[in-house]
Amino acid sequence: MSTEVGHPEETPPGRPSGSLRKVLPEPGPRRILMVATFVDTIGGGMFLTSSVLYFTRVVHLPAERVGLGLTLAGLIGVLAGVPLGEIADRRGPREVKLILLVLLSLTMVGYVFVRGFLTFTLIAVFDLLVNTGANAVRGGLIRRIGGEGATAYRAKLRATTNAGVAVGGLLAAIAIQADTRLAYQVLIAGNAASFLISAAILYRLPHLQPLVRPSREARWGRSVRDVPFNAWAIINGLMSIQYQVLLIPLPLWIVGHTHAPRWSVACCLLINATLCVLLQMKVGARVTTIRQGGSAFRTAGLLFLTSSAALGLVSAVPGWAALLLVVLGCIVHTVGELWHASGQFTVGYGLAPAYAQSQYQGMQSLWTSLLGYSPAPAFLTLLCIDGGRNGWFALGFFFAALGCAAVPVTRWAEQSRANARA
C-alpha cells in the first residue's frame, strides 16, 4: 500500500470536470497545497518584480552592491537545505514548512528597515538560509502529497505559482510607476503577509509520517555521497541562473541601456507568468522519463541562446522595436524555462529515493543556490550590464553548453540506478 498522500484518478461526485479538472485538484491535501502556493506567490510576485528597483532607487544601493550582498547571502544560505531537508524527512515536512513560513514573514519585514549595505546583507543572509530550507522541504512535501503523480502535480503547482506571480506583478507595476519608498514598502509588507496566510492554509494538511528507511541508509547525508546525482545537480544549478535573467539584469538593462518603456519591466514578468500558467503542464506532459529530462535541458539551452541574443540587441534599436525585441526575447526565454523546469522536476524526483526526497531536494537546492541563485546577481550584472550586448550573447552560449552537457550526465545517472538495482 502506498504511504503517499495521493488520490485515485477516478472522478468522485462534485469534482470539477473538463479543463478545470486538469488544473484544480480534488478537495484534500493537493488542493490545500495549491491554494497555499497561490497565496504565497502573489506576495512573491510583488517582491520579485520590484525588489531590485527598491534596493537601487529607494535604498540607493549601487547595483553592484546589491549583487554582492545577495551573492554573499546565497553562499551562506546554501548550508540550510540538506540538514533541514533531512529533518523534514525524519520528522515530517508539514511542521517544518510551517515554521519556515513564519520565519520568512519576519525576514521580509526586515527589508523595510534596510538603510545600508550591512543591514541589507545581514537580512538577506537570514532570508536565504530560510528560503533554501523552505525550498527543500517544499520539494519533499510535494512528493509526499503528489504520490506517484508528483511530477505532473508539480507542473500544476508551477502553473499556479506563475498565476500568483502574474497577479503580484500587476500590483507591483503600480508601485514601480509611483516609484516611492511607501509604494515599494507596501509590496514588501504584502509579501510578508502572504507567508502567514499560506502557513494558516497549510496548517490544515495532515501530519505525514516519515517513510521507513532501509537499515543501510539510516545515516545522514546519503545525497552528499551520490556522485551521479550531484553531477546532474551541478549542471541544473548552473542552468538555474536563467531564473534570474528576467528579474535582475533585464530590468536594469531596460531602464538604463535601452529605449524600451519602463513599464515593460512588469510586462516581461506578466508574459513569463502567463505562458507558464498556460503551457507548463503541456510541456511537462512530454517529459516523463529521466532520459527525456536530459533532452529537455538541451532544448532549453538552445532556446536560451536565442532569447539572450534577442535581448542583447534591444540596446541597438529605437523604442518601438526595442519593445518588440523585449517581448520576443521574454517569450522565447519563457519557453526555454518551461523545458528546463520540466526536466528538473522529472530528473530530480526520478533519481531520489522516496524516503529521502526532502534531503535530495535540499542537495539539489544547495547546488542551485551555490551555483545559480547566489552568483546570479553579481554574475549577470557583470556579464549583461557591464558587458553589454556581447555579454548577453556570451550568456546564451553558456546556457546552450550546459543544456548539451546534461544529456550524457543524466544517462549516466540513470544507468547508475539500474546497476545498483541489479
Protein backbone atom coordinates (compact mmCIF):
# COMPACT_ATOMS: atom_id res chain seq x y z
CA MET A 1 0.00 0.00 0.00
CA SER A 2 1.30 3.45 -0.89
CA THR A 3 2.28 5.70 2.00
CA GLU A 4 1.91 8.86 -0.08
CA VAL A 5 -0.95 11.29 0.45
CA GLY A 6 -2.31 10.73 -3.05
CA HIS A 7 -5.75 10.24 -4.52
CA PRO A 8 -7.18 7.93 -7.16
CA GLU A 9 -7.74 9.20 -10.65
CA GLU A 10 -11.46 8.41 -10.70
CA THR A 11 -13.79 11.40 -10.71
CA PRO A 12 -15.73 11.48 -7.42
CA PRO A 13 -19.07 13.24 -7.10
CA GLY A 14 -18.71 17.00 -7.02
CA ARG A 15 -15.25 17.04 -8.54
CA PRO A 16 -14.73 19.73 -11.24
CA SER A 17 -14.85 18.39 -14.76
CA GLY A 18 -13.38 19.28 -18.13
CA SER A 19 -10.44 21.67 -18.45
CA LEU A 20 -10.85 22.95 -14.89
CA ARG A 21 -10.20 19.44 -13.57
CA LYS A 22 -6.85 19.44 -15.36
CA VAL A 23 -5.66 22.30 -13.17
CA LEU A 24 -7.70 22.16 -9.95
CA PRO A 25 -7.10 19.03 -7.83
CA GLU A 26 -9.84 17.26 -5.95
CA PRO A 27 -10.63 18.53 -2.42
CA GLY A 28 -7.97 17.42 0.02
CA PRO A 29 -4.23 17.85 0.59
CA ARG A 30 -3.39 18.56 -3.05
CA ARG A 31 -5.86 21.40 -3.29
CA ILE A 32 -4.79 22.81 0.08
CA LEU A 33 -1.17 22.95 -1.04
CA MET A 34 -2.15 24.52 -4.36
CA VAL A 35 -4.21 27.29 -2.70
CA ALA A 36 -1.39 28.00 -0.22
CA THR A 37 1.07 28.16 -3.11
CA PHE A 38 -1.12 30.65 -4.99
CA VAL A 39 -1.37 32.97 -1.98
CA ASP A 40 2.35 32.72 -1.26
CA THR A 41 3.35 33.54 -4.82
CA ILE A 42 1.13 36.60 -5.11
CA GLY A 43 3.36 38.12 -2.45
CA GLY A 44 6.43 36.70 -4.15
CA GLY A 45 5.41 38.28 -7.45
CA MET A 46 5.07 41.69 -5.82
CA PHE A 47 8.51 41.46 -4.23
CA LEU A 48 10.42 39.84 -7.10
CA THR A 49 9.16 42.34 -9.65
CA SER A 50 10.15 45.35 -7.56
CA SER A 51 12.99 44.29 -5.25
CA VAL A 52 15.95 45.24 -7.44
CA LEU A 53 14.45 48.65 -8.16
CA TYR A 54 13.60 49.13 -4.46
CA PHE A 55 17.17 48.48 -3.32
CA THR A 56 18.74 50.61 -6.05
CA ARG A 57 16.27 53.51 -6.39
CA VAL A 58 14.87 53.82 -2.84
CA VAL A 59 17.60 52.46 -0.56
CA HIS A 60 20.15 53.91 -3.02
CA LEU A 61 22.45 50.90 -3.05
CA PRO A 62 24.54 50.62 -6.21
CA ALA A 63 23.51 47.68 -8.39
CA GLU A 64 26.95 46.13 -7.84
CA ARG A 65 26.46 46.28 -4.04
CA VAL A 66 23.03 44.65 -4.32
CA GLY A 67 24.56 41.87 -6.41
CA LEU A 68 27.44 41.43 -3.97
CA GLY A 69 25.15 41.32 -0.93
CA LEU A 70 22.86 38.73 -2.48
CA THR A 71 25.85 36.67 -3.56
CA LEU A 72 27.34 36.64 -0.05
CA ALA A 73 23.95 35.79 1.43
CA GLY A 74 23.47 32.97 -1.03
CA LEU A 75 26.86 31.42 -0.26
CA ILE A 76 25.85 31.18 3.39
CA GLY A 77 22.25 30.24 2.68
CA VAL A 78 23.18 27.04 0.87
CA LEU A 79 24.11 25.48 4.21
CA ALA A 80 20.46 25.08 5.25
CA GLY A 81 19.00 22.87 2.50
CA VAL A 82 20.35 19.39 3.26
CA PRO A 83 20.03 19.44 7.10
CA LEU A 84 16.54 20.95 7.05
CA GLY A 85 15.52 18.53 4.30
CA GLU A 86 16.83 15.63 6.38
CA ILE A 87 14.90 16.86 9.42
CA ALA A 88 11.74 17.09 7.31
CA ASP A 89 12.21 13.51 6.07
CA ARG A 90 12.67 12.25 9.61
CA ARG A 91 10.09 14.41 11.44
CA GLY A 92 7.51 15.30 8.79
CA PRO A 93 7.64 18.06 6.14
CA ARG A 94 4.40 19.80 7.16
CA GLU A 95 5.57 21.01 10.57
CA VAL A 96 8.99 22.12 9.34
CA LYS A 97 7.41 24.03 6.45
CA LEU A 98 5.05 25.93 8.79
CA ILE A 99 7.91 27.11 10.96
CA LEU A 100 9.91 28.27 7.97
CA LEU A 101 6.99 30.26 6.54
CA VAL A 102 6.67 32.22 9.78
CA LEU A 103 10.40 32.94 9.74
CA LEU A 104 10.19 34.09 6.11
CA SER A 105 7.47 36.57 7.06
CA LEU A 106 9.63 38.06 9.80
CA THR A 107 12.60 38.30 7.46
CA MET A 108 10.58 40.09 4.81
CA VAL A 109 9.52 42.76 7.33
CA GLY A 110 13.21 43.33 7.99
CA TYR A 111 13.76 44.60 4.44
CA VAL A 112 11.59 47.63 5.26
CA PHE A 113 14.28 48.79 7.70
CA VAL A 114 17.23 48.42 5.34
CA ARG A 115 19.22 51.66 5.19
CA GLY A 116 22.62 50.49 4.01
CA PHE A 117 24.74 47.65 2.66
CA LEU A 118 25.43 45.99 6.04
CA THR A 119 21.80 45.67 7.17
CA PHE A 120 20.78 44.62 3.67
CA THR A 121 23.36 41.82 3.65
CA LEU A 122 22.55 40.57 7.16
CA ILE A 123 18.82 40.36 6.42
CA ALA A 124 19.50 38.75 3.04
CA VAL A 125 21.68 36.08 4.72
CA PHE A 126 18.89 35.02 7.07
CA ASP A 127 16.34 35.26 4.27
CA LEU A 128 18.28 32.92 2.00
CA LEU A 129 19.06 30.49 4.82
CA VAL A 130 15.36 30.08 5.49
CA ASN A 131 14.44 30.15 1.80
CA THR A 132 16.86 27.39 0.91
CA GLY A 133 15.50 25.17 3.66
CA ALA A 134 11.91 26.00 2.72
CA ASN A 135 12.52 25.03 -0.90
CA ALA A 136 13.99 21.69 0.15
CA VAL A 137 11.09 20.93 2.48
CA ARG A 138 8.56 22.04 -0.14
CA GLY A 139 10.01 19.59 -2.66
CA GLY A 140 9.61 16.70 -0.23
CA LEU A 141 6.11 17.86 0.71
CA ILE A 142 5.08 17.91 -2.95
CA ARG A 143 6.49 14.40 -3.44
CA ARG A 144 4.58 13.03 -0.46
CA ILE A 145 1.29 14.74 -1.31
CA GLY A 146 1.59 14.15 -5.05
CA GLY A 147 2.26 10.43 -4.68
CA GLU A 148 3.07 8.60 -7.90
CA GLY A 149 1.88 11.61 -9.90
CA ALA A 150 4.22 14.03 -8.14
CA THR A 151 5.92 15.25 -11.32
CA ALA A 152 2.61 16.13 -13.01
CA TYR A 153 1.34 17.67 -9.78
CA ARG A 154 4.46 19.81 -9.51
CA ALA A 155 3.85 21.06 -13.04
CA LYS A 156 0.36 22.13 -11.91
CA LEU A 157 1.86 23.85 -8.91
CA ARG A 158 4.31 25.69 -11.12
CA ALA A 159 1.41 26.90 -13.25
CA THR A 160 -0.28 28.03 -10.05
CA THR A 161 2.94 29.71 -8.94
CA ASN A 162 3.15 31.72 -12.11
CA ALA A 163 -0.52 32.70 -11.88
CA GLY A 164 0.24 34.10 -8.44
CA VAL A 165 3.36 35.85 -9.73
CA ALA A 166 1.27 37.41 -12.52
CA VAL A 167 -1.20 38.86 -10.02
CA GLY A 168 1.64 40.08 -7.84
CA GLY A 169 3.41 41.55 -10.86
CA LEU A 170 0.35 43.58 -11.81
CA LEU A 171 0.21 45.01 -8.29
CA ALA A 172 3.95 45.72 -8.42
CA ALA A 173 3.53 47.67 -11.66
CA ILE A 174 1.55 50.28 -9.71
CA ALA A 175 4.37 50.72 -7.20
CA ILE A 176 7.02 50.83 -9.92
CA GLN A 177 5.13 53.60 -11.69
CA ALA A 178 4.70 55.54 -8.41
CA ASP A 179 8.42 54.92 -7.64
CA THR A 180 8.18 55.99 -3.96
CA ARG A 181 9.50 54.43 -0.77
CA LEU A 182 5.99 53.90 0.62
CA ALA A 183 4.78 52.18 -2.54
CA TYR A 184 7.64 49.71 -2.53
CA GLN A 185 7.34 49.04 1.21
CA VAL A 186 3.64 48.25 0.86
CA LEU A 187 4.65 45.49 -1.55
CA ILE A 188 7.18 44.14 0.96
CA ALA A 189 4.54 44.11 3.71
CA GLY A 190 2.14 42.33 1.38
CA ASN A 191 4.71 39.60 0.74
CA ALA A 192 5.25 39.17 4.49
CA ALA A 193 1.50 38.78 4.99
CA SER A 194 1.30 36.20 2.19
CA PHE A 195 3.70 33.91 4.07
CA LEU A 196 1.49 33.96 7.17
CA ILE A 197 -1.70 33.35 5.20
CA SER A 198 -0.03 30.47 3.38
CA ALA A 199 1.03 28.97 6.71
CA ALA A 200 -2.54 29.21 8.03
CA ILE A 201 -3.79 27.31 4.97
CA LEU A 202 -1.08 24.63 5.17
CA TYR A 203 -1.96 24.06 8.83
CA ARG A 204 -4.98 22.10 7.51
CA LEU A 205 -2.69 19.45 6.00
CA PRO A 206 -2.40 16.16 7.92
CA HIS A 207 0.82 15.12 9.60
CA LEU A 208 2.90 12.99 7.24
CA GLN A 209 4.65 10.11 8.93
CA PRO A 210 8.29 9.59 7.88
CA LEU A 211 8.79 6.73 5.42
CA VAL A 212 10.65 3.61 6.52
CA ARG A 213 14.32 3.65 5.56
CA PRO A 214 16.47 0.63 4.72
CA SER A 215 18.80 -0.10 7.61
CA ARG A 216 21.85 0.55 5.46
CA GLU A 217 20.53 4.05 4.74
CA ALA A 218 19.99 5.03 8.37
CA ARG A 219 22.87 7.51 8.32
CA TRP A 220 22.50 11.17 7.45
CA GLY A 221 23.68 12.55 4.16
CA ARG A 222 23.02 9.87 1.54
CA SER A 223 22.56 12.58 -1.10
CA VAL A 224 26.01 14.01 -0.37
CA ARG A 225 27.62 10.71 -1.42
CA ASP A 226 25.53 10.24 -4.57
CA VAL A 227 28.04 11.28 -7.26
CA PRO A 228 25.85 10.88 -10.38
CA PHE A 229 23.02 12.83 -8.78
CA ASN A 230 25.37 15.61 -7.77
CA ALA A 231 26.88 15.78 -11.25
CA TRP A 232 23.41 16.40 -12.68
CA ALA A 233 22.54 18.78 -9.83
CA ILE A 234 25.63 20.88 -10.61
CA ILE A 235 24.51 21.31 -14.23
CA ASN A 236 21.00 22.12 -13.05
CA GLY A 237 22.37 24.63 -10.55
CA LEU A 238 24.30 26.48 -13.23
CA MET A 239 21.34 26.36 -15.60
CA SER A 240 19.15 27.83 -12.82
CA ILE A 241 20.87 31.17 -13.34
CA GLN A 242 18.27 31.54 -16.09
CA TYR A 243 15.52 32.03 -13.50
CA GLN A 244 17.14 35.35 -12.53
CA VAL A 245 17.59 36.77 -16.03
CA LEU A 246 14.17 38.43 -16.19
CA LEU A 247 14.42 39.59 -12.57
CA ILE A 248 17.91 41.10 -12.23
CA PRO A 249 19.75 42.16 -15.40
CA LEU A 250 16.74 42.72 -17.66
CA PRO A 251 15.07 45.48 -15.55
CA LEU A 252 18.41 47.29 -15.22
CA TRP A 253 19.12 46.77 -18.92
CA ILE A 254 15.72 48.09 -19.99
CA VAL A 255 15.70 51.14 -17.70
CA GLY A 256 19.35 52.15 -18.08
CA HIS A 257 20.54 50.98 -21.50
CA THR A 258 17.59 50.79 -23.91
CA HIS A 259 14.79 52.94 -25.32
CA ALA A 260 12.10 50.46 -24.26
CA PRO A 261 9.42 51.94 -21.93
CA ARG A 262 9.95 51.47 -18.20
CA TRP A 263 6.63 49.65 -17.78
CA SER A 264 7.94 46.84 -20.00
CA VAL A 265 9.77 45.57 -16.87
CA ALA A 266 6.46 44.49 -15.35
CA CYS A 267 5.25 43.39 -18.80
CA CYS A 268 8.09 40.85 -19.01
CA LEU A 269 7.11 39.24 -15.72
CA LEU A 270 3.48 39.15 -16.82
CA ILE A 271 4.39 37.46 -20.11
CA ASN A 272 6.56 34.95 -18.28
CA ALA A 273 3.91 34.11 -15.70
CA THR A 274 1.08 33.88 -18.25
CA LEU A 275 2.94 31.50 -20.55
CA CYS A 276 3.98 29.34 -17.61
CA VAL A 277 0.36 29.09 -16.48
CA LEU A 278 -0.84 28.16 -19.97
CA LEU A 279 1.97 25.87 -21.13
CA GLN A 280 3.80 24.32 -18.17
CA MET A 281 1.55 21.25 -17.94
CA LYS A 282 1.61 20.73 -21.71
CA VAL A 283 5.40 20.80 -21.83
CA GLY A 284 5.67 18.71 -18.67
CA ALA A 285 3.47 16.01 -20.17
CA ARG A 286 6.20 15.44 -22.78
CA VAL A 287 8.93 14.91 -20.16
CA THR A 288 8.15 11.78 -18.15
CA THR A 289 11.44 9.83 -18.02
CA ILE A 290 14.94 10.65 -16.86
CA ARG A 291 16.26 10.41 -20.42
CA GLN A 292 13.59 12.79 -21.68
CA GLY A 293 14.56 15.10 -18.83
CA GLY A 294 18.11 15.27 -20.14
CA SER A 295 16.85 16.09 -23.63
CA ALA A 296 14.63 18.81 -22.14
CA PHE A 297 17.75 20.51 -20.78
CA ARG A 298 19.30 20.55 -24.25
CA THR A 299 16.17 22.10 -25.76
CA ALA A 300 16.12 24.72 -23.01
CA GLY A 301 19.75 25.66 -23.56
CA LEU A 302 19.23 26.29 -27.28
CA LEU A 303 16.16 28.42 -26.57
CA PHE A 304 18.12 30.48 -24.02
CA LEU A 305 20.77 31.07 -26.67
CA THR A 306 18.12 32.54 -28.95
CA SER A 307 16.45 34.68 -26.28
CA SER A 308 19.72 36.11 -24.96
CA ALA A 309 20.71 37.22 -28.45
CA ALA A 310 17.35 38.98 -28.88
CA LEU A 311 17.60 40.77 -25.52
CA GLY A 312 21.16 41.84 -26.25
CA LEU A 313 20.06 43.53 -29.46
CA VAL A 314 17.46 45.66 -27.63
CA SER A 315 20.03 48.40 -26.94
CA ALA A 316 20.68 48.94 -30.66
CA VAL A 317 17.12 49.78 -31.79
CA PRO A 318 14.59 52.61 -31.18
CA GLY A 319 11.69 52.46 -28.70
CA TRP A 320 9.02 50.56 -30.63
CA ALA A 321 11.50 48.00 -31.97
CA ALA A 322 13.08 47.69 -28.53
CA LEU A 323 9.70 46.83 -27.04
CA LEU A 324 9.11 44.17 -29.71
CA LEU A 325 12.53 42.61 -29.09
CA VAL A 326 11.96 42.62 -25.33
CA VAL A 327 8.64 40.82 -25.80
CA LEU A 328 10.15 38.32 -28.26
CA GLY A 329 13.11 37.65 -26.00
CA CYS A 330 10.86 37.13 -22.98
CA ILE A 331 8.61 34.70 -24.86
CA VAL A 332 11.50 32.57 -26.12
CA HIS A 333 13.21 32.65 -22.71
CA THR A 334 10.00 31.54 -21.02
CA VAL A 335 9.58 28.57 -23.37
CA GLY A 336 13.13 27.56 -22.50
CA GLU A 337 12.27 27.93 -18.83
CA LEU A 338 9.32 25.56 -19.27
CA TRP A 339 11.57 22.86 -20.75
CA HIS A 340 14.21 23.37 -18.07
CA ALA A 341 11.65 23.18 -15.26
CA SER A 342 10.06 20.03 -16.70
CA GLY A 343 13.42 18.32 -16.98
CA GLN A 344 14.37 19.45 -13.49
CA PHE A 345 11.18 18.03 -11.93
CA THR A 346 11.44 14.68 -13.71
CA VAL A 347 15.13 14.06 -13.15
CA GLY A 348 15.18 15.40 -9.58
CA TYR A 349 12.35 13.15 -8.40
CA GLY A 350 13.39 10.21 -10.57
CA LEU A 351 16.91 9.96 -9.17
CA ALA A 352 15.97 10.40 -5.48
CA PRO A 353 14.77 7.51 -3.26
CA ALA A 354 11.23 8.00 -1.93
CA TYR A 355 12.22 8.06 1.75
CA ALA A 356 14.82 10.84 1.24
CA GLN A 357 13.03 13.23 -1.09
CA SER A 358 13.43 16.34 1.08
CA GLN A 359 17.09 15.58 1.68
CA TYR A 360 17.72 15.16 -2.06
CA GLN A 361 15.71 18.29 -2.78
CA GLY A 362 17.94 20.00 -0.23
CA MET A 363 21.05 18.78 -2.03
CA GLN A 364 19.61 19.95 -5.32
CA SER A 365 18.75 23.30 -3.73
CA LEU A 366 22.29 23.55 -2.37
CA TRP A 367 23.77 23.40 -5.86
CA THR A 368 21.02 25.63 -7.23
CA SER A 369 21.74 28.25 -4.59
CA LEU A 370 25.53 27.88 -4.68
CA LEU A 371 25.89 27.90 -8.45
CA GLY A 372 22.63 29.50 -9.60
CA TYR A 373 20.92 31.94 -7.26
CA SER A 374 23.96 33.07 -5.23
CA PRO A 375 26.31 34.09 -8.05
CA ALA A 376 23.48 35.14 -10.38
CA PRO A 377 23.18 38.79 -9.20
CA ALA A 378 26.91 39.53 -9.48
CA PHE A 379 27.44 37.27 -12.50
CA LEU A 380 24.51 38.59 -14.50
CA THR A 381 25.15 42.23 -13.58
CA LEU A 382 28.80 41.94 -14.61
CA LEU A 383 28.09 39.98 -17.77
CA CYS A 384 24.91 41.63 -19.06
CA ILE A 385 25.14 45.18 -17.72
CA ASP A 386 28.89 45.83 -17.72
CA GLY A 387 29.48 43.52 -20.69
CA GLY A 388 26.61 44.98 -22.68
CA ARG A 389 25.42 43.35 -25.87
CA ASN A 390 28.34 40.91 -26.13
CA GLY A 391 27.69 39.83 -22.55
CA TRP A 392 24.14 38.83 -23.47
CA PHE A 393 25.47 36.79 -26.39
CA ALA A 394 28.01 35.06 -24.12
CA LEU A 395 25.24 34.23 -21.65
CA GLY A 396 23.29 32.45 -24.40
CA PHE A 397 26.25 30.25 -25.37
CA PHE A 398 26.82 29.44 -21.68
CA PHE A 399 23.28 28.08 -21.35
CA ALA A 400 23.49 26.16 -24.63
CA ALA A 401 26.67 24.37 -23.49
CA LEU A 402 25.06 23.38 -20.18
CA GLY A 403 21.97 22.02 -21.93
CA CYS A 404 24.04 19.80 -24.23
CA ALA A 405 26.15 18.51 -21.31
CA ALA A 406 23.04 17.44 -19.40
CA VAL A 407 22.20 14.67 -21.88
CA PRO A 408 25.16 12.32 -21.19
CA VAL A 409 25.17 13.12 -17.47
CA THR A 410 21.52 12.16 -16.95
CA ARG A 411 22.06 8.92 -18.89
CA TRP A 412 24.99 8.08 -16.63
CA ALA A 413 22.92 8.83 -13.51
CA GLU A 414 20.05 6.69 -14.77
CA GLN A 415 22.40 3.81 -15.54
CA SER A 416 23.91 4.04 -12.05
CA ARG A 417 20.44 3.37 -10.59
CA ALA A 418 19.92 0.39 -12.86
CA ASN A 419 23.34 -1.02 -11.88
CA ALA A 420 22.57 -0.55 -8.17
CA ARG A 421 19.26 -2.40 -8.50
CA ALA A 422 20.95 -5.22 -10.40
